[in-house]
């Protein structure tokens, strides 16, 4: 990893990528918002979507939500960080 990437805020490119993935899944992409909280090397991302889209983001038996969390886990492993994901209604 280069020094410029290490100096950047760790979730600088995680949040836009996650937002783009979620926007592609939902019927109301304008309602997608992601907030983040830092806790040391851990980042908790709170995903807010239109109430009508919550089911699409969670998926059948939680499969979509698990897939999103797996993407964040893989990204965190690359960065030596931990990402958590909370899904809420706007």
PDB file of N, CA and C in Angstrom:
ATOM      1  N   UNK A   1       0.839  -1.183   0.000  1.00  0.00           N
ATOM      2  CA  UNK A   1       0.000   0.000   0.000  1.00  0.00           C
ATOM      3  C   UNK A   1       0.877   1.237   0.000  1.00  0.00           C
ATOM      4  N   UNK A   2       0.483   2.258  -0.739  1.00  0.00           N
ATOM      5  CA  UNK A   2       1.311   3.459  -0.742  1.00  0.00           C
ATOM      6  C   UNK A   2       0.946   4.365   0.421  1.00  0.00           C
ATOM      7  N   UNK A   3       1.842   5.302   0.729  1.00  0.00           N
ATOM      8  CA  UNK A   3       1.633   6.177   1.889  1.00  0.00           C
ATOM      9  C   UNK A   3       0.391   7.048   1.743  1.00  0.00           C
ATOM     10  N   UNK A   4       0.091   7.482   0.533  1.00  0.00           N
ATOM     11  CA  UNK A   4      -1.077   8.341   0.335  1.00  0.00           C
ATOM     12  C   UNK A   4      -2.350   7.585   0.713  1.00  0.00           C
ATOM     13  N   UNK A   5      -2.413   6.293   0.357  1.00  0.00           N
ATOM     14  CA  UNK A   5      -3.605   5.523   0.693  1.00  0.00           C
ATOM     15  C   UNK A   5      -3.696   5.305   2.207  1.00  0.00           C
ATOM     16  N   UNK A   6      -2.570   5.071   2.860  1.00  0.00           N
ATOM     17  CA  UNK A   6      -2.585   4.866   4.295  1.00  0.00           C
ATOM     18  C   UNK A   6      -2.982   6.130   5.039  1.00  0.00           C
ATOM     19  N   UNK A   7      -2.637   7.295   4.518  1.00  0.00           N
ATOM     20  CA  UNK A   7      -2.979   8.550   5.167  1.00  0.00           C
ATOM     21  C   UNK A   7      -4.444   8.905   5.001  1.00  0.00           C
ATOM     22  N   UNK A   8      -5.096   8.379   3.972  1.00  0.00           N
ATOM     23  CA  UNK A   8      -6.499   8.694   3.729  1.00  0.00           C
ATOM     24  C   UNK A   8      -7.353   8.061   4.816  1.00  0.00           C
ATOM     25  N   UNK A   9      -8.510   8.656   5.035  1.00  0.00           N
ATOM     26  CA  UNK A   9      -9.479   8.091   5.971  1.00  0.00           C
ATOM     27  C   UNK A   9      -9.832   6.698   5.466  1.00  0.00           C
ATOM     28  N   UNK A  10      -9.812   5.674   6.300  1.00  0.00           N
ATOM     29  CA  UNK A  10      -9.953   4.307   5.833  1.00  0.00           C
ATOM     30  C   UNK A  10     -11.234   4.013   5.062  1.00  0.00           C
ATOM     31  N   UNK A  11     -12.320   4.658   5.402  1.00  0.00           N
ATOM     32  CA  UNK A  11     -13.566   4.351   4.705  1.00  0.00           C
ATOM     33  C   UNK A  11     -13.868   5.346   3.592  1.00  0.00           C
ATOM     34  N   UNK A  12     -12.862   6.156   3.189  1.00  0.00           N
ATOM     35  CA  UNK A  12     -13.083   7.135   2.128  1.00  0.00           C
ATOM     36  C   UNK A  12     -13.640   6.505   0.864  1.00  0.00           C
ATOM     37  N   UNK A  13     -13.149   5.330   0.484  1.00  0.00           N
ATOM     38  CA  UNK A  13     -13.695   4.716  -0.716  1.00  0.00           C
ATOM     39  C   UNK A  13     -14.639   3.560  -0.412  1.00  0.00           C
ATOM     40  N   UNK A  14     -14.732   3.111   0.821  1.00  0.00           N
ATOM     41  CA  UNK A  14     -15.669   2.048   1.181  1.00  0.00           C
ATOM     42  C   UNK A  14     -17.100   2.571   1.133  1.00  0.00           C
ATOM     43  N   UNK A  15     -17.331   3.736   1.694  1.00  0.00           N
ATOM     44  CA  UNK A  15     -18.693   4.284   1.766  1.00  0.00           C
ATOM     45  C   UNK A  15     -19.275   4.513   0.371  1.00  0.00           C
ATOM     46  N   UNK A  16     -18.573   5.176  -0.553  1.00  0.00           N
ATOM     47  CA  UNK A  16     -19.166   5.360  -1.885  1.00  0.00           C
ATOM     48  C   UNK A  16     -19.406   4.046  -2.630  1.00  0.00           C
ATOM     49  N   UNK A  17     -18.517   3.082  -2.456  1.00  0.00           N
ATOM     50  CA  UNK A  17     -18.705   1.793  -3.126  1.00  0.00           C
ATOM     51  C   UNK A  17     -19.925   1.076  -2.557  1.00  0.00           C
ATOM     52  N   UNK A  18     -20.042   1.046  -1.235  1.00  0.00           N
ATOM     53  CA  UNK A  18     -21.206   0.428  -0.615  1.00  0.00           C
ATOM     54  C   UNK A  18     -22.486   1.132  -1.045  1.00  0.00           C
ATOM     55  N   UNK A  19     -22.460   2.457  -1.057  1.00  0.00           N
ATOM     56  CA  UNK A  19     -23.647   3.223  -1.463  1.00  0.00           C
ATOM     57  C   UNK A  19     -24.044   2.880  -2.896  1.00  0.00           C
ATOM     58  N   UNK A  20     -23.081   2.763  -3.783  1.00  0.00           N
ATOM     59  CA  UNK A  20     -23.379   2.449  -5.189  1.00  0.00           C
ATOM     60  C   UNK A  20     -23.979   1.049  -5.319  1.00  0.00           C
ATOM     61  N   UNK A  21     -23.438   0.094  -4.586  1.00  0.00           N
ATOM     62  CA  UNK A  21     -23.975  -1.267  -4.617  1.00  0.00           C
ATOM     63  C   UNK A  21     -25.415  -1.267  -4.114  1.00  0.00           C
ATOM     64  N   UNK A  22     -25.661  -0.594  -2.994  1.00  0.00           N
ATOM     65  CA  UNK A  22     -27.011  -0.579  -2.427  1.00  0.00           C
ATOM     66  C   UNK A  22     -27.974   0.159  -3.352  1.00  0.00           C
ATOM     67  N   UNK A  23     -27.537   1.280  -3.927  1.00  0.00           N
ATOM     68  CA  UNK A  23     -28.418   2.021  -4.857  1.00  0.00           C
ATOM     69  C   UNK A  23     -28.841   1.155  -6.040  1.00  0.00           C
ATOM     70  N   UNK A  24     -27.972   0.250  -6.455  1.00  0.00           N
ATOM     71  CA  UNK A  24     -28.317  -0.626  -7.584  1.00  0.00           C
ATOM     72  C   UNK A  24     -29.341  -1.696  -7.181  1.00  0.00           C
ATOM     73  N   UNK A  25     -29.511  -1.920  -5.888  1.00  0.00           N
ATOM     74  CA  UNK A  25     -30.433  -2.949  -5.401  1.00  0.00           C
ATOM     75  C   UNK A  25     -31.838  -2.437  -5.117  1.00  0.00           C
ATOM     76  N   UNK A  26     -31.977  -1.146  -4.827  1.00  0.00           N
ATOM     77  CA  UNK A  26     -33.237  -0.616  -4.308  1.00  0.00           C
ATOM     78  C   UNK A  26     -34.046   0.127  -5.369  1.00  0.00           C
ATOM     79  N   UNK A  27     -35.326   0.332  -5.060  1.00  0.00           N
ATOM     80  CA  UNK A  27     -36.216   1.078  -5.949  1.00  0.00           C
ATOM     81  C   UNK A  27     -36.136   2.584  -5.730  1.00  0.00           C
ATOM     82  N   UNK A  28     -35.629   3.005  -4.569  1.00  0.00           N
ATOM     83  CA  UNK A  28     -35.558   4.425  -4.223  1.00  0.00           C
ATOM     84  C   UNK A  28     -34.106   4.792  -3.882  1.00  0.00           C
ATOM     85  N   UNK A  29     -33.239   4.842  -4.899  1.00  0.00           N
ATOM     86  CA  UNK A  29     -31.809   5.071  -4.643  1.00  0.00           C
ATOM     87  C   UNK A  29     -31.500   6.427  -4.015  1.00  0.00           C
ATOM     88  N   UNK A  30     -32.360   7.397  -4.206  1.00  0.00           N
ATOM     89  CA  UNK A  30     -32.126   8.711  -3.616  1.00  0.00           C
ATOM     90  C   UNK A  30     -32.242   8.719  -2.098  1.00  0.00           C
ATOM     91  N   UNK A  31     -32.851   7.693  -1.543  1.00  0.00           N
ATOM     92  CA  UNK A  31     -33.041   7.627  -0.090  1.00  0.00           C
ATOM     93  C   UNK A  31     -31.900   6.888   0.613  1.00  0.00           C
ATOM     94  N   UNK A  32     -30.901   6.436  -0.135  1.00  0.00           N
ATOM     95  CA  UNK A  32     -29.787   5.693   0.457  1.00  0.00           C
ATOM     96  C   UNK A  32     -28.799   6.673   1.090  1.00  0.00           C
ATOM     97  N   UNK A  33     -28.544   6.481   2.377  1.00  0.00           N
ATOM     98  CA  UNK A  33     -27.576   7.313   3.108  1.00  0.00           C
ATOM     99  C   UNK A  33     -26.742   6.403   4.004  1.00  0.00           C
ATOM    100  N   UNK A  34     -25.469   6.716   4.102  1.00  0.00           N
ATOM    101  CA  UNK A  34     -24.589   5.931   4.958  1.00  0.00           C
ATOM    102  C   UNK A  34     -23.862   6.865   5.904  1.00  0.00           C
ATOM    103  N   UNK A  35     -23.976   6.576   7.187  1.00  0.00           N
ATOM    104  CA  UNK A  35     -23.248   7.318   8.222  1.00  0.00           C
ATOM    105  C   UNK A  35     -22.216   6.365   8.800  1.00  0.00           C
ATOM    106  N   UNK A  36     -21.143   6.926   9.324  1.00  0.00           N
ATOM    107  CA  UNK A  36     -20.118   6.065   9.911  1.00  0.00           C
ATOM    108  C   UNK A  36     -19.685   6.566  11.269  1.00  0.00           C
ATOM    109  N   UNK A  37     -19.326   5.612  12.113  1.00  0.00           N
ATOM    110  CA  UNK A  37     -18.781   5.911  13.437  1.00  0.00           C
ATOM    111  C   UNK A  37     -17.467   5.165  13.569  1.00  0.00           C
ATOM    112  N   UNK A  38     -16.452   5.862  13.993  1.00  0.00           N
ATOM    113  CA  UNK A  38     -15.138   5.256  14.197  1.00  0.00           C
ATOM    114  C   UNK A  38     -14.999   4.806  15.637  1.00  0.00           C
ATOM    115  N   UNK A  39     -14.453   3.632  15.812  1.00  0.00           N
ATOM    116  CA  UNK A  39     -14.126   3.114  17.139  1.00  0.00           C
ATOM    117  C   UNK A  39     -12.769   2.440  17.028  1.00  0.00           C
ATOM    118  N   UNK A  40     -11.715   3.244  17.146  1.00  0.00           N
ATOM    119  CA  UNK A  40     -10.371   2.702  16.982  1.00  0.00           C
ATOM    120  C   UNK A  40     -10.189   2.195  15.570  1.00  0.00           C
ATOM    121  N   UNK A  41      -9.852   0.923  15.430  1.00  0.00           N
ATOM    122  CA  UNK A  41      -9.660   0.321  14.110  1.00  0.00           C
ATOM    123  C   UNK A  41     -10.970  -0.236  13.547  1.00  0.00           C
ATOM    124  N   UNK A  42     -12.063  -0.001  14.251  1.00  0.00           N
ATOM    125  CA  UNK A  42     -13.372  -0.487  13.821  1.00  0.00           C
ATOM    126  C   UNK A  42     -14.217   0.670  13.305  1.00  0.00           C
ATOM    127  N   UNK A  43     -14.929   0.420  12.238  1.00  0.00           N
ATOM    128  CA  UNK A  43     -15.841   1.401  11.666  1.00  0.00           C
ATOM    129  C   UNK A  43     -17.216   0.767  11.564  1.00  0.00           C
ATOM    130  N   UNK A  44     -18.211   1.426  12.154  1.00  0.00           N
ATOM    131  CA  UNK A  44     -19.587   0.957  12.054  1.00  0.00           C
ATOM    132  C   UNK A  44     -20.291   1.837  11.020  1.00  0.00           C
ATOM    133  N   UNK A  45     -20.798   1.210   9.973  1.00  0.00           N
ATOM    134  CA  UNK A  45     -21.526   1.918   8.923  1.00  0.00           C
ATOM    135  C   UNK A  45     -23.016   1.700   9.151  1.00  0.00           C
ATOM    136  N   UNK A  46     -23.758   2.798   9.211  1.00  0.00           N
ATOM    137  CA  UNK A  46     -25.205   2.719   9.369  1.00  0.00           C
ATOM    138  C   UNK A  46     -25.829   3.066   8.032  1.00  0.00           C
ATOM    139  N   UNK A  47     -26.487   2.089   7.442  1.00  0.00           N
ATOM    140  CA  UNK A  47     -27.117   2.230   6.142  1.00  0.00           C
ATOM    141  C   UNK A  47     -28.590   2.549   6.354  1.00  0.00           C
ATOM    142  N   UNK A  48     -29.027   3.679   5.821  1.00  0.00           N
ATOM    143  CA  UNK A  48     -30.443   4.054   5.900  1.00  0.00           C
ATOM    144  C   UNK A  48     -31.022   4.015   4.490  1.00  0.00           C
ATOM    145  N   UNK A  49     -32.161   3.336   4.366  1.00  0.00           N
ATOM    146  CA  UNK A  49     -32.848   3.225   3.085  1.00  0.00           C
ATOM    147  C   UNK A  49     -34.326   3.534   3.283  1.00  0.00           C
ATOM    148  N   UNK A  50     -35.012   3.780   2.194  1.00  0.00           N
ATOM    149  CA  UNK A  50     -36.448   3.987   2.230  1.00  0.00           C
ATOM    150  C   UNK A  50     -37.091   2.757   2.879  1.00  0.00           C
ATOM    151  N   UNK A  51     -38.080   2.953   3.738  1.00  0.00           N
ATOM    152  CA  UNK A  51     -38.716   1.801   4.399  1.00  0.00           C
ATOM    153  C   UNK A  51     -39.212   0.734   3.427  1.00  0.00           C
ATOM    154  N   UNK A  52     -39.608   1.152   2.228  1.00  0.00           N
ATOM    155  CA  UNK A  52     -40.093   0.185   1.235  1.00  0.00           C
ATOM    156  C   UNK A  52     -38.967  -0.662   0.658  1.00  0.00           C
ATOM    157  N   UNK A  53     -37.707  -0.246   0.871  1.00  0.00           N
ATOM    158  CA  UNK A  53     -36.565  -0.960   0.309  1.00  0.00           C
ATOM    159  C   UNK A  53     -35.820  -1.836   1.318  1.00  0.00           C
ATOM    160  N   UNK A  54     -36.230  -1.814   2.559  1.00  0.00           N
ATOM    161  CA  UNK A  54     -35.508  -2.573   3.590  1.00  0.00           C
ATOM    162  C   UNK A  54     -35.459  -4.057   3.233  1.00  0.00           C
ATOM    163  N   UNK A  55     -36.556  -4.605   2.775  1.00  0.00           N
ATOM    164  CA  UNK A  55     -36.586  -6.020   2.408  1.00  0.00           C
ATOM    165  C   UNK A  55     -35.614  -6.359   1.296  1.00  0.00           C
ATOM    166  N   UNK A  56     -35.450  -5.441   0.339  1.00  0.00           N
ATOM    167  CA  UNK A  56     -34.519  -5.676  -0.763  1.00  0.00           C
ATOM    168  C   UNK A  56     -33.074  -5.672  -0.277  1.00  0.00           C
ATOM    169  N   UNK A  57     -32.769  -4.838   0.694  1.00  0.00           N
ATOM    170  CA  UNK A  57     -31.408  -4.745   1.208  1.00  0.00           C
ATOM    171  C   UNK A  57     -31.093  -5.939   2.112  1.00  0.00           C
ATOM    172  N   UNK A  58     -32.086  -6.398   2.844  1.00  0.00           N
ATOM    173  CA  UNK A  58     -31.868  -7.558   3.712  1.00  0.00           C
ATOM    174  C   UNK A  58     -31.872  -8.841   2.881  1.00  0.00           C
ATOM    175  N   UNK A  59     -32.794  -8.946   1.941  1.00  0.00           N
ATOM    176  CA  UNK A  59     -32.863 -10.119   1.079  1.00  0.00           C
ATOM    177  C   UNK A  59     -33.554 -11.289   1.750  1.00  0.00           C
ATOM    178  N   UNK A  60     -33.780 -12.325   0.965  1.00  0.00           N
ATOM    179  CA  UNK A  60     -34.429 -13.530   1.501  1.00  0.00           C
ATOM    180  C   UNK A  60     -33.512 -14.183   2.512  1.00  0.00           C
ATOM    181  N   UNK A  61     -34.053 -14.406   3.682  1.00  0.00           N
ATOM    182  CA  UNK A  61     -33.329 -15.022   4.791  1.00  0.00           C
ATOM    183  C   UNK A  61     -32.020 -14.282   5.102  1.00  0.00           C
ATOM    184  N   UNK A  62     -31.980 -12.975   4.787  1.00  0.00           N
ATOM    185  CA  UNK A  62     -30.814 -12.160   5.118  1.00  0.00           C
ATOM    186  C   UNK A  62     -29.628 -12.329   4.199  1.00  0.00           C
ATOM    187  N   UNK A  63     -29.826 -12.960   3.053  1.00  0.00           N
ATOM    188  CA  UNK A  63     -28.699 -13.250   2.156  1.00  0.00           C
ATOM    189  C   UNK A  63     -28.022 -11.996   1.617  1.00  0.00           C
ATOM    190  N   UNK A  64     -28.793 -11.011   1.228  1.00  0.00           N
ATOM    191  CA  UNK A  64     -28.196  -9.789   0.677  1.00  0.00           C
ATOM    192  C   UNK A  64     -27.415  -9.048   1.750  1.00  0.00           C
ATOM    193  N   UNK A  65     -27.985  -8.936   2.933  1.00  0.00           N
ATOM    194  CA  UNK A  65     -27.282  -8.273   4.036  1.00  0.00           C
ATOM    195  C   UNK A  65     -25.991  -9.011   4.358  1.00  0.00           C
ATOM    196  N   UNK A  66     -26.023 -10.339   4.364  1.00  0.00           N
ATOM    197  CA  UNK A  66     -24.797 -11.119   4.625  1.00  0.00           C
ATOM    198  C   UNK A  66     -23.760 -10.880   3.538  1.00  0.00           C
ATOM    199  N   UNK A  67     -24.211 -10.772   2.296  1.00  0.00           N
ATOM    200  CA  UNK A  67     -23.282 -10.519   1.191  1.00  0.00           C
ATOM    201  C   UNK A  67     -22.634  -9.143   1.330  1.00  0.00           C
ATOM    202  N   UNK A  68     -23.416  -8.139   1.712  1.00  0.00           N
ATOM    203  CA  UNK A  68     -22.861  -6.801   1.925  1.00  0.00           C
ATOM    204  C   UNK A  68     -21.836  -6.822   3.054  1.00  0.00           C
ATOM    205  N   UNK A  69     -22.158  -7.519   4.123  1.00  0.00           N
ATOM    206  CA  UNK A  69     -21.224  -7.628   5.249  1.00  0.00           C
ATOM    207  C   UNK A  69     -19.957  -8.380   4.840  1.00  0.00           C
ATOM    208  N   UNK A  70     -20.099  -9.385   3.988  1.00  0.00           N
ATOM    209  CA  UNK A  70     -18.929 -10.132   3.514  1.00  0.00           C
ATOM    210  C   UNK A  70     -18.015  -9.237   2.682  1.00  0.00           C
ATOM    211  N   UNK A  71     -18.608  -8.374   1.861  1.00  0.00           N
ATOM    212  CA  UNK A  71     -17.804  -7.417   1.093  1.00  0.00           C
ATOM    213  C   UNK A  71     -17.027  -6.496   2.021  1.00  0.00           C
ATOM    214  N   UNK A  72     -17.697  -6.013   3.063  1.00  0.00           N
ATOM    215  CA  UNK A  72     -17.031  -5.137   4.029  1.00  0.00           C
ATOM    216  C   UNK A  72     -15.947  -5.885   4.797  1.00  0.00           C
ATOM    217  N   UNK A  73     -16.210  -7.142   5.108  1.00  0.00           N
ATOM    218  CA  UNK A  73     -15.206  -7.939   5.820  1.00  0.00           C
ATOM    219  C   UNK A  73     -13.959  -8.137   4.956  1.00  0.00           C
ATOM    220  N   UNK A  74     -14.165  -8.411   3.666  1.00  0.00           N
ATOM    221  CA  UNK A  74     -13.030  -8.590   2.760  1.00  0.00           C
ATOM    222  C   UNK A  74     -12.230  -7.301   2.637  1.00  0.00           C
ATOM    223  N   UNK A  75     -12.929  -6.199   2.523  1.00  0.00           N
ATOM    224  CA  UNK A  75     -12.251  -4.902   2.422  1.00  0.00           C
ATOM    225  C   UNK A  75     -11.488  -4.606   3.707  1.00  0.00           C
ATOM    226  N   UNK A  76     -12.101  -4.877   4.837  1.00  0.00           N
ATOM    227  CA  UNK A  76     -11.449  -4.656   6.115  1.00  0.00           C
ATOM    228  C   UNK A  76     -10.199  -5.498   6.265  1.00  0.00           C
ATOM    229  N   UNK A  77     -10.242  -6.734   5.769  1.00  0.00           N
ATOM    230  CA  UNK A  77      -9.064  -7.603   5.850  1.00  0.00           C
ATOM    231  C   UNK A  77      -7.905  -7.008   5.063  1.00  0.00           C
ATOM    232  N   UNK A  78      -8.200  -6.387   3.927  1.00  0.00           N
ATOM    233  CA  UNK A  78      -7.162  -5.734   3.122  1.00  0.00           C
ATOM    234  C   UNK A  78      -6.530  -4.571   3.870  1.00  0.00           C
ATOM    235  N   UNK A  79      -7.339  -3.885   4.661  1.00  0.00           N
ATOM    236  CA  UNK A  79      -6.895  -2.670   5.341  1.00  0.00           C
ATOM    237  C   UNK A  79      -6.474  -2.910   6.790  1.00  0.00           C
ATOM    238  N   UNK A  80      -6.663  -4.109   7.293  1.00  0.00           N
ATOM    239  CA  UNK A  80      -6.375  -4.375   8.701  1.00  0.00           C
ATOM    240  C   UNK A  80      -7.364  -3.689   9.621  1.00  0.00           C
ATOM    241  N   UNK A  81      -8.603  -3.577   9.155  1.00  0.00           N
ATOM    242  CA  UNK A  81      -9.670  -2.902   9.902  1.00  0.00           C
ATOM    243  C   UNK A  81     -10.861  -3.836  10.017  1.00  0.00           C
ATOM    244  N   UNK A  82     -11.842  -3.390  10.750  1.00  0.00           N
ATOM    245  CA  UNK A  82     -13.082  -4.133  10.892  1.00  0.00           C
ATOM    246  C   UNK A  82     -14.239  -3.185  10.574  1.00  0.00           C
ATOM    247  N   UNK A  83     -15.132  -3.636   9.709  1.00  0.00           N
ATOM    248  CA  UNK A  83     -16.319  -2.856   9.360  1.00  0.00           C
ATOM    249  C   UNK A  83     -17.561  -3.595   9.838  1.00  0.00           C
ATOM    250  N   UNK A  84     -18.457  -2.860  10.463  1.00  0.00           N
ATOM    251  CA  UNK A  84     -19.754  -3.395  10.842  1.00  0.00           C
ATOM    252  C   UNK A  84     -20.825  -2.697  10.024  1.00  0.00           C
ATOM    253  N   UNK A  85     -21.962  -3.334   9.833  1.00  0.00           N
ATOM    254  CA  UNK A  85     -23.040  -2.751   9.047  1.00  0.00           C
ATOM    255  C   UNK A  85     -24.349  -2.864   9.795  1.00  0.00           C
ATOM    256  N   UNK A  86     -25.001  -1.718   9.994  1.00  0.00           N
ATOM    257  CA  UNK A  86     -26.349  -1.677  10.563  1.00  0.00           C
ATOM    258  C   UNK A  86     -27.277  -1.178   9.476  1.00  0.00           C
ATOM    259  N   UNK A  87     -28.444  -1.796   9.336  1.00  0.00           N
ATOM    260  CA  UNK A  87     -29.414  -1.401   8.318  1.00  0.00           C
ATOM    261  C   UNK A  87     -30.630  -0.819   9.019  1.00  0.00           C
ATOM    262  N   UNK A  88     -30.992   0.397   8.610  1.00  0.00           N
ATOM    263  CA  UNK A  88     -32.118   1.108   9.232  1.00  0.00           C
ATOM    264  C   UNK A  88     -33.027   1.690   8.156  1.00  0.00           C
ATOM    265  N   UNK A  89     -34.221   2.000   8.553  1.00  0.00           N
ATOM    266  CA  UNK A  89     -35.162   2.719   7.676  1.00  0.00           C
ATOM    267  C   UNK A  89     -34.915   4.202   7.788  1.00  0.00           C
ATOM    268  N   UNK A  90     -35.041   4.914   6.687  1.00  0.00           N
ATOM    269  CA  UNK A  90     -34.858   6.374   6.705  1.00  0.00           C
ATOM    270  C   UNK A  90     -35.951   7.050   7.491  1.00  0.00           C
TER     271      UNK A  90
END
